[in-house]
Amino acid sequence: MRSYSLRNLEVFADFAMRAAYYLQLSASGPVPLPRITERWTVPRSNFIFKKSQENFERITLRRMIQIRGGHPNTVAIWLAFLKKYQYYGIGMKANVYESGKLEVAEDMDAEAEKISERLGDSLKLVGGKRGLMRRKKDIESMLLTEPFKAQWGAYAAMSASQSVPNAGLRAEKQVVDGTEGAKSVI
């Protein structure tokens, strides 16, 4: 948390600690962080009045609260609560770290299988021609076809010239029936 006012910062830090206590999060802090002092000089007038200047200083006070071992959903609720009831003149920044198992790839594969079972046949509509994407030769042959090149701008004219070879070639559009009788074009 950051602020220019010590009183606002202390009040909000206490509020955040109490909210963490009632959500049963193990919070440590508020730890005072080093102050950020900014100084600058501005001339009061222009031209020959260089000796008449004003000096300004801005001190930013900071406090840090650490939550360790809290459930990610509970921490998200705590952060949302703090953001909703944020005190005026207080800026906040949160660094959230999550730890996971080393078998992340296996977990992602299992989750993908669950999603594909839930979606069923509607998954086939995503991604266009999935059959071509399985082999490298099929991908290369698809990339070299004229409609594909034309659709993605391989024959785009430079300097707005209208004489482009094969400009009329485009990928074929398929009409798919919607669920409510409406038709959409892919």
C-alpha atoms as a PDB file:
ATOM      1  CA  MET A   1       0.000   0.000   0.000  1.00  0.00           C
ATOM      2  CA  ARG A   2       1.188   3.530  -0.750  1.00  0.00           C
ATOM      3  CA  SER A   3       0.057   6.948   0.300  1.00  0.00           C
ATOM      4  CA  TYR A   4       1.254  10.496   0.872  1.00  0.00           C
ATOM      5  CA  SER A   5      -0.674  10.657   4.153  1.00  0.00           C
ATOM      6  CA  LEU A   6       0.479   8.595   7.124  1.00  0.00           C
ATOM      7  CA  ARG A   7      -2.904   8.668   8.862  1.00  0.00           C
ATOM      8  CA  ASN A   8      -4.806   7.277   5.852  1.00  0.00           C
ATOM      9  CA  LEU A   9      -2.169   4.608   5.340  1.00  0.00           C
ATOM     10  CA  GLU A  10      -2.256   3.416   8.961  1.00  0.00           C
ATOM     11  CA  VAL A  11      -6.062   3.305   9.045  1.00  0.00           C
ATOM     12  CA  PHE A  12      -6.282   1.272   5.848  1.00  0.00           C
ATOM     13  CA  ALA A  13      -3.450  -1.079   6.888  1.00  0.00           C
ATOM     14  CA  ASP A  14      -5.332  -1.799  10.116  1.00  0.00           C
ATOM     15  CA  PHE A  15      -8.540  -2.361   8.115  1.00  0.00           C
ATOM     16  CA  ALA A  16      -6.727  -4.821   5.835  1.00  0.00           C
ATOM     17  CA  MET A  17      -5.258  -6.736   8.769  1.00  0.00           C
ATOM     18  CA  ARG A  18      -8.672  -7.038  10.421  1.00  0.00           C
ATOM     19  CA  ALA A  19     -10.241  -8.257   7.169  1.00  0.00           C
ATOM     20  CA  ALA A  20      -7.492 -10.889   6.856  1.00  0.00           C
ATOM     21  CA  TYR A  21      -8.090 -11.974  10.470  1.00  0.00           C
ATOM     22  CA  TYR A  22     -11.829 -12.448   9.919  1.00  0.00           C
ATOM     23  CA  LEU A  23     -11.170 -14.418   6.730  1.00  0.00           C
ATOM     24  CA  GLN A  24      -8.769 -16.609   8.744  1.00  0.00           C
ATOM     25  CA  LEU A  25      -5.750 -15.722   6.634  1.00  0.00           C
ATOM     26  CA  SER A  26      -2.319 -15.789   8.240  1.00  0.00           C
ATOM     27  CA  ALA A  27      -1.192 -12.195   7.666  1.00  0.00           C
ATOM     28  CA  SER A  28       2.055 -10.606   8.724  1.00  0.00           C
ATOM     29  CA  GLY A  29       2.564  -6.882   8.789  1.00  0.00           C
ATOM     30  CA  PRO A  30       2.010  -4.095   8.145  1.00  0.00           C
ATOM     31  CA  VAL A  31       5.747  -3.804   7.524  1.00  0.00           C
ATOM     32  CA  PRO A  32       6.987  -0.248   6.903  1.00  0.00           C
ATOM     33  CA  LEU A  33       8.936  -0.050   3.655  1.00  0.00           C
ATOM     34  CA  PRO A  34      11.482   2.686   2.878  1.00  0.00           C
ATOM     35  CA  ARG A  35      10.053   6.066   2.001  1.00  0.00           C
ATOM     36  CA  ILE A  36      10.274   7.360  -1.540  1.00  0.00           C
ATOM     37  CA  THR A  37      11.368  11.006  -1.479  1.00  0.00           C
ATOM     38  CA  GLU A  38      11.050  13.038  -4.648  1.00  0.00           C
ATOM     39  CA  ARG A  39      12.405  16.594  -4.858  1.00  0.00           C
ATOM     40  CA  TRP A  40      12.276  19.064  -7.717  1.00  0.00           C
ATOM     41  CA  THR A  41      12.879  22.759  -8.294  1.00  0.00           C
ATOM     42  CA  VAL A  42      10.703  25.026 -10.439  1.00  0.00           C
ATOM     43  CA  PRO A  43      11.508  28.641 -11.410  1.00  0.00           C
ATOM     44  CA  ARG A  44       8.883  31.076 -10.135  1.00  0.00           C
ATOM     45  CA  SER A  45       9.213  33.201 -13.206  1.00  0.00           C
ATOM     46  CA  ASN A  46      10.994  33.125 -16.530  1.00  0.00           C
ATOM     47  CA  PHE A  47      13.928  34.851 -18.204  1.00  0.00           C
ATOM     48  CA  ILE A  48      16.250  36.756 -15.833  1.00  0.00           C
ATOM     49  CA  PHE A  49      14.594  35.690 -12.570  1.00  0.00           C
ATOM     50  CA  LYS A  50      16.527  32.415 -12.288  1.00  0.00           C
ATOM     51  CA  LYS A  51      17.398  33.060  -8.638  1.00  0.00           C
ATOM     52  CA  SER A  52      13.739  33.096  -7.650  1.00  0.00           C
ATOM     53  CA  GLN A  53      12.855  29.385  -7.485  1.00  0.00           C
ATOM     54  CA  GLU A  54      10.551  27.117  -5.513  1.00  0.00           C
ATOM     55  CA  ASN A  55      11.531  23.719  -4.147  1.00  0.00           C
ATOM     56  CA  PHE A  56       8.982  20.923  -3.839  1.00  0.00           C
ATOM     57  CA  GLU A  57       9.168  17.596  -2.050  1.00  0.00           C
ATOM     58  CA  ARG A  58       6.835  14.626  -2.145  1.00  0.00           C
ATOM     59  CA  ILE A  59       7.250  11.726   0.293  1.00  0.00           C
ATOM     60  CA  THR A  60       5.512   8.429  -0.483  1.00  0.00           C
ATOM     61  CA  LEU A  61       4.942   6.189   2.525  1.00  0.00           C
ATOM     62  CA  ARG A  62       4.538   2.445   2.027  1.00  0.00           C
ATOM     63  CA  ARG A  63       3.350  -0.556   4.010  1.00  0.00           C
ATOM     64  CA  MET A  64       3.484  -4.245   3.111  1.00  0.00           C
ATOM     65  CA  ILE A  65       1.167  -7.021   4.261  1.00  0.00           C
ATOM     66  CA  GLN A  66       2.091 -10.621   3.487  1.00  0.00           C
ATOM     67  CA  ILE A  67      -0.391 -13.488   3.330  1.00  0.00           C
ATOM     68  CA  ARG A  68       1.220 -16.919   3.451  1.00  0.00           C
ATOM     69  CA  GLY A  69      -0.450 -20.265   2.950  1.00  0.00           C
ATOM     70  CA  GLY A  70      -3.930 -18.923   2.257  1.00  0.00           C
ATOM     71  CA  HIS A  71      -6.302 -20.610  -0.160  1.00  0.00           C
ATOM     72  CA  PRO A  72      -6.204 -18.793  -3.540  1.00  0.00           C
ATOM     73  CA  ASN A  73      -9.965 -18.187  -3.525  1.00  0.00           C
ATOM     74  CA  THR A  74      -9.850 -16.697  -0.025  1.00  0.00           C
ATOM     75  CA  VAL A  75      -6.954 -14.431  -0.967  1.00  0.00           C
ATOM     76  CA  ALA A  76      -8.867 -13.310  -4.071  1.00  0.00           C
ATOM     77  CA  ILE A  77     -11.902 -12.498  -1.902  1.00  0.00           C
ATOM     78  CA  TRP A  78      -9.680 -10.530   0.507  1.00  0.00           C
ATOM     79  CA  LEU A  79      -8.143  -8.517  -2.346  1.00  0.00           C
ATOM     80  CA  ALA A  80     -11.567  -7.821  -3.882  1.00  0.00           C
ATOM     81  CA  PHE A  81     -12.877  -6.679  -0.480  1.00  0.00           C
ATOM     82  CA  LEU A  82      -9.924  -4.312  -0.036  1.00  0.00           C
ATOM     83  CA  LYS A  83     -10.409  -2.924  -3.528  1.00  0.00           C
ATOM     84  CA  LYS A  84     -14.122  -2.387  -2.975  1.00  0.00           C
ATOM     85  CA  TYR A  85     -13.634  -0.515   0.310  1.00  0.00           C
ATOM     86  CA  GLN A  86     -10.374   1.199  -0.628  1.00  0.00           C
ATOM     87  CA  TYR A  87      -9.688   4.312   1.451  1.00  0.00           C
ATOM     88  CA  TYR A  88      -9.155   7.580  -0.405  1.00  0.00           C
ATOM     89  CA  GLY A  89      -5.541   8.507  -1.068  1.00  0.00           C
ATOM     90  CA  ILE A  90      -4.330   4.902  -0.895  1.00  0.00           C
ATOM     91  CA  GLY A  91      -2.782   3.022  -3.800  1.00  0.00           C
ATOM     92  CA  MET A  92      -2.469  -0.768  -3.727  1.00  0.00           C
ATOM     93  CA  LYS A  93      -0.454  -3.325  -5.622  1.00  0.00           C
ATOM     94  CA  ALA A  94      -0.646  -7.087  -5.095  1.00  0.00           C
ATOM     95  CA  ASN A  95       1.831  -9.759  -6.143  1.00  0.00           C
ATOM     96  CA  VAL A  96       0.087 -13.142  -6.011  1.00  0.00           C
ATOM     97  CA  TYR A  97       2.176 -16.304  -6.189  1.00  0.00           C
ATOM     98  CA  GLU A  98       0.677 -19.777  -6.472  1.00  0.00           C
ATOM     99  CA  SER A  99       2.537 -23.006  -6.034  1.00  0.00           C
ATOM    100  CA  GLY A 100       1.686 -26.151  -7.939  1.00  0.00           C
ATOM    101  CA  LYS A 101       2.806 -29.719  -8.309  1.00  0.00           C
ATOM    102  CA  LEU A 102       5.577 -30.755 -10.671  1.00  0.00           C
ATOM    103  CA  GLU A 103       3.135 -32.872 -12.691  1.00  0.00           C
ATOM    104  CA  VAL A 104       1.515 -29.829 -14.306  1.00  0.00           C
ATOM    105  CA  ALA A 105       1.450 -31.356 -17.800  1.00  0.00           C
ATOM    106  CA  GLU A 106      -0.441 -34.429 -16.566  1.00  0.00           C
ATOM    107  CA  ASP A 107      -2.992 -32.237 -14.780  1.00  0.00           C
ATOM    108  CA  MET A 108      -3.479 -30.112 -17.907  1.00  0.00           C
ATOM    109  CA  ASP A 109      -3.973 -33.214 -20.071  1.00  0.00           C
ATOM    110  CA  ALA A 110      -6.558 -34.582 -17.629  1.00  0.00           C
ATOM    111  CA  GLU A 111      -8.374 -31.228 -17.607  1.00  0.00           C
ATOM    112  CA  ALA A 112      -8.354 -31.131 -21.432  1.00  0.00           C
ATOM    113  CA  GLU A 113      -9.896 -34.613 -21.539  1.00  0.00           C
ATOM    114  CA  LYS A 114     -12.659 -33.516 -19.145  1.00  0.00           C
ATOM    115  CA  ILE A 115     -13.386 -30.450 -21.282  1.00  0.00           C
ATOM    116  CA  SER A 116     -13.470 -32.459 -24.512  1.00  0.00           C
ATOM    117  CA  GLU A 117     -15.912 -34.948 -22.916  1.00  0.00           C
ATOM    118  CA  ARG A 118     -18.189 -32.107 -21.815  1.00  0.00           C
ATOM    119  CA  LEU A 119     -18.121 -30.340 -25.189  1.00  0.00           C
ATOM    120  CA  GLY A 120     -18.494 -33.478 -27.284  1.00  0.00           C
ATOM    121  CA  ASP A 121     -19.319 -32.824 -30.937  1.00  0.00           C
ATOM    122  CA  SER A 122     -19.324 -29.034 -30.584  1.00  0.00           C
ATOM    123  CA  LEU A 123     -15.528 -29.179 -30.171  1.00  0.00           C
ATOM    124  CA  LYS A 124     -15.235 -30.248 -33.809  1.00  0.00           C
ATOM    125  CA  LEU A 125     -16.555 -26.836 -34.903  1.00  0.00           C
ATOM    126  CA  VAL A 126     -13.633 -25.057 -33.222  1.00  0.00           C
ATOM    127  CA  GLY A 127     -10.485 -24.605 -35.277  1.00  0.00           C
ATOM    128  CA  GLY A 128     -11.836 -25.371 -38.732  1.00  0.00           C
ATOM    129  CA  LYS A 129     -10.321 -28.370 -40.484  1.00  0.00           C
ATOM    130  CA  ARG A 130      -8.777 -30.276 -37.599  1.00  0.00           C
ATOM    131  CA  GLY A 131      -7.972 -33.293 -39.806  1.00  0.00           C
ATOM    132  CA  LEU A 132      -5.345 -31.264 -41.678  1.00  0.00           C
ATOM    133  CA  MET A 133      -3.570 -30.245 -38.516  1.00  0.00           C
ATOM    134  CA  ARG A 134      -2.372 -33.699 -37.576  1.00  0.00           C
ATOM    135  CA  ARG A 135       0.504 -34.208 -39.993  1.00  0.00           C
ATOM    136  CA  LYS A 136       3.278 -31.849 -41.018  1.00  0.00           C
ATOM    137  CA  LYS A 137       2.862 -32.575 -44.736  1.00  0.00           C
ATOM    138  CA  ASP A 138      -0.839 -31.732 -44.540  1.00  0.00           C
ATOM    139  CA  ILE A 139      -0.037 -28.420 -42.874  1.00  0.00           C
ATOM    140  CA  GLU A 140       2.537 -27.527 -45.508  1.00  0.00           C
ATOM    141  CA  SER A 141       0.179 -28.429 -48.336  1.00  0.00           C
ATOM    142  CA  MET A 142      -2.577 -26.304 -46.786  1.00  0.00           C
ATOM    143  CA  LEU A 143      -0.233 -23.319 -46.461  1.00  0.00           C
ATOM    144  CA  LEU A 144       0.738 -23.539 -50.127  1.00  0.00           C
ATOM    145  CA  THR A 145      -2.817 -23.565 -51.513  1.00  0.00           C
ATOM    146  CA  GLU A 146      -3.903 -20.506 -53.454  1.00  0.00           C
ATOM    147  CA  PRO A 147      -7.079 -19.721 -51.458  1.00  0.00           C
ATOM    148  CA  PHE A 148      -5.116 -19.765 -48.194  1.00  0.00           C
ATOM    149  CA  LYS A 149      -2.456 -17.436 -49.562  1.00  0.00           C
ATOM    150  CA  ALA A 150      -5.068 -15.066 -50.965  1.00  0.00           C
ATOM    151  CA  GLN A 151      -7.081 -14.975 -47.751  1.00  0.00           C
ATOM    152  CA  TRP A 152      -4.122 -14.068 -45.551  1.00  0.00           C
ATOM    153  CA  GLY A 153      -2.706 -11.399 -47.830  1.00  0.00           C
ATOM    154  CA  ALA A 154       0.058 -13.118 -49.745  1.00  0.00           C
ATOM    155  CA  TYR A 155      -1.138 -11.341 -52.882  1.00  0.00           C
ATOM    156  CA  ALA A 156      -1.861  -8.030 -51.203  1.00  0.00           C
ATOM    157  CA  ALA A 157      -1.088  -5.049 -53.373  1.00  0.00           C
ATOM    158  CA  MET A 158       1.673  -2.639 -52.476  1.00  0.00           C
ATOM    159  CA  SER A 159       0.910   1.095 -52.729  1.00  0.00           C
ATOM    160  CA  ALA A 160      -2.828   0.463 -53.276  1.00  0.00           C
ATOM    161  CA  SER A 161      -2.385  -1.046 -56.735  1.00  0.00           C
ATOM    162  CA  GLN A 162      -5.473  -2.778 -58.093  1.00  0.00           C
ATOM    163  CA  SER A 163      -3.647  -5.126 -60.465  1.00  0.00           C
ATOM    164  CA  VAL A 164      -3.020  -8.070 -58.177  1.00  0.00           C
ATOM    165  CA  PRO A 165      -2.744 -11.595 -59.570  1.00  0.00           C
ATOM    166  CA  ASN A 166      -5.340 -14.022 -58.157  1.00  0.00           C
ATOM    167  CA  ALA A 167      -7.052 -11.244 -56.185  1.00  0.00           C
ATOM    168  CA  GLY A 168     -10.412 -12.940 -56.613  1.00  0.00           C
ATOM    169  CA  LEU A 169      -9.363 -16.113 -54.829  1.00  0.00           C
ATOM    170  CA  ARG A 170     -10.662 -16.433 -51.301  1.00  0.00           C
ATOM    171  CA  ALA A 171     -11.234 -19.308 -48.936  1.00  0.00           C
ATOM    172  CA  GLU A 172     -14.624 -20.952 -49.257  1.00  0.00           C
ATOM    173  CA  LYS A 173     -17.229 -19.934 -46.702  1.00  0.00           C
ATOM    174  CA  GLN A 174     -19.327 -22.591 -45.013  1.00  0.00           C
ATOM    175  CA  VAL A 175     -22.866 -21.975 -43.805  1.00  0.00           C
ATOM    176  CA  VAL A 176     -23.644 -23.547 -40.439  1.00  0.00           C
ATOM    177  CA  ASP A 177     -27.167 -23.875 -39.064  1.00  0.00           C
ATOM    178  CA  GLY A 178     -27.523 -22.203 -35.660  1.00  0.00           C
ATOM    179  CA  THR A 179     -29.456 -23.617 -32.706  1.00  0.00           C
ATOM    180  CA  GLU A 180     -32.400 -21.228 -33.048  1.00  0.00           C
ATOM    181  CA  GLY A 181     -32.863 -21.540 -36.783  1.00  0.00           C
ATOM    182  CA  ALA A 182     -30.495 -18.654 -37.579  1.00  0.00           C
ATOM    183  CA  LYS A 183     -27.671 -19.254 -40.012  1.00  0.00           C
ATOM    184  CA  SER A 184     -24.147 -18.015 -39.428  1.00  0.00           C
ATOM    185  CA  VAL A 185     -21.256 -17.862 -41.874  1.00  0.00           C
ATOM    186  CA  ILE A 186     -17.851 -19.212 -40.908  1.00  0.00           C
END
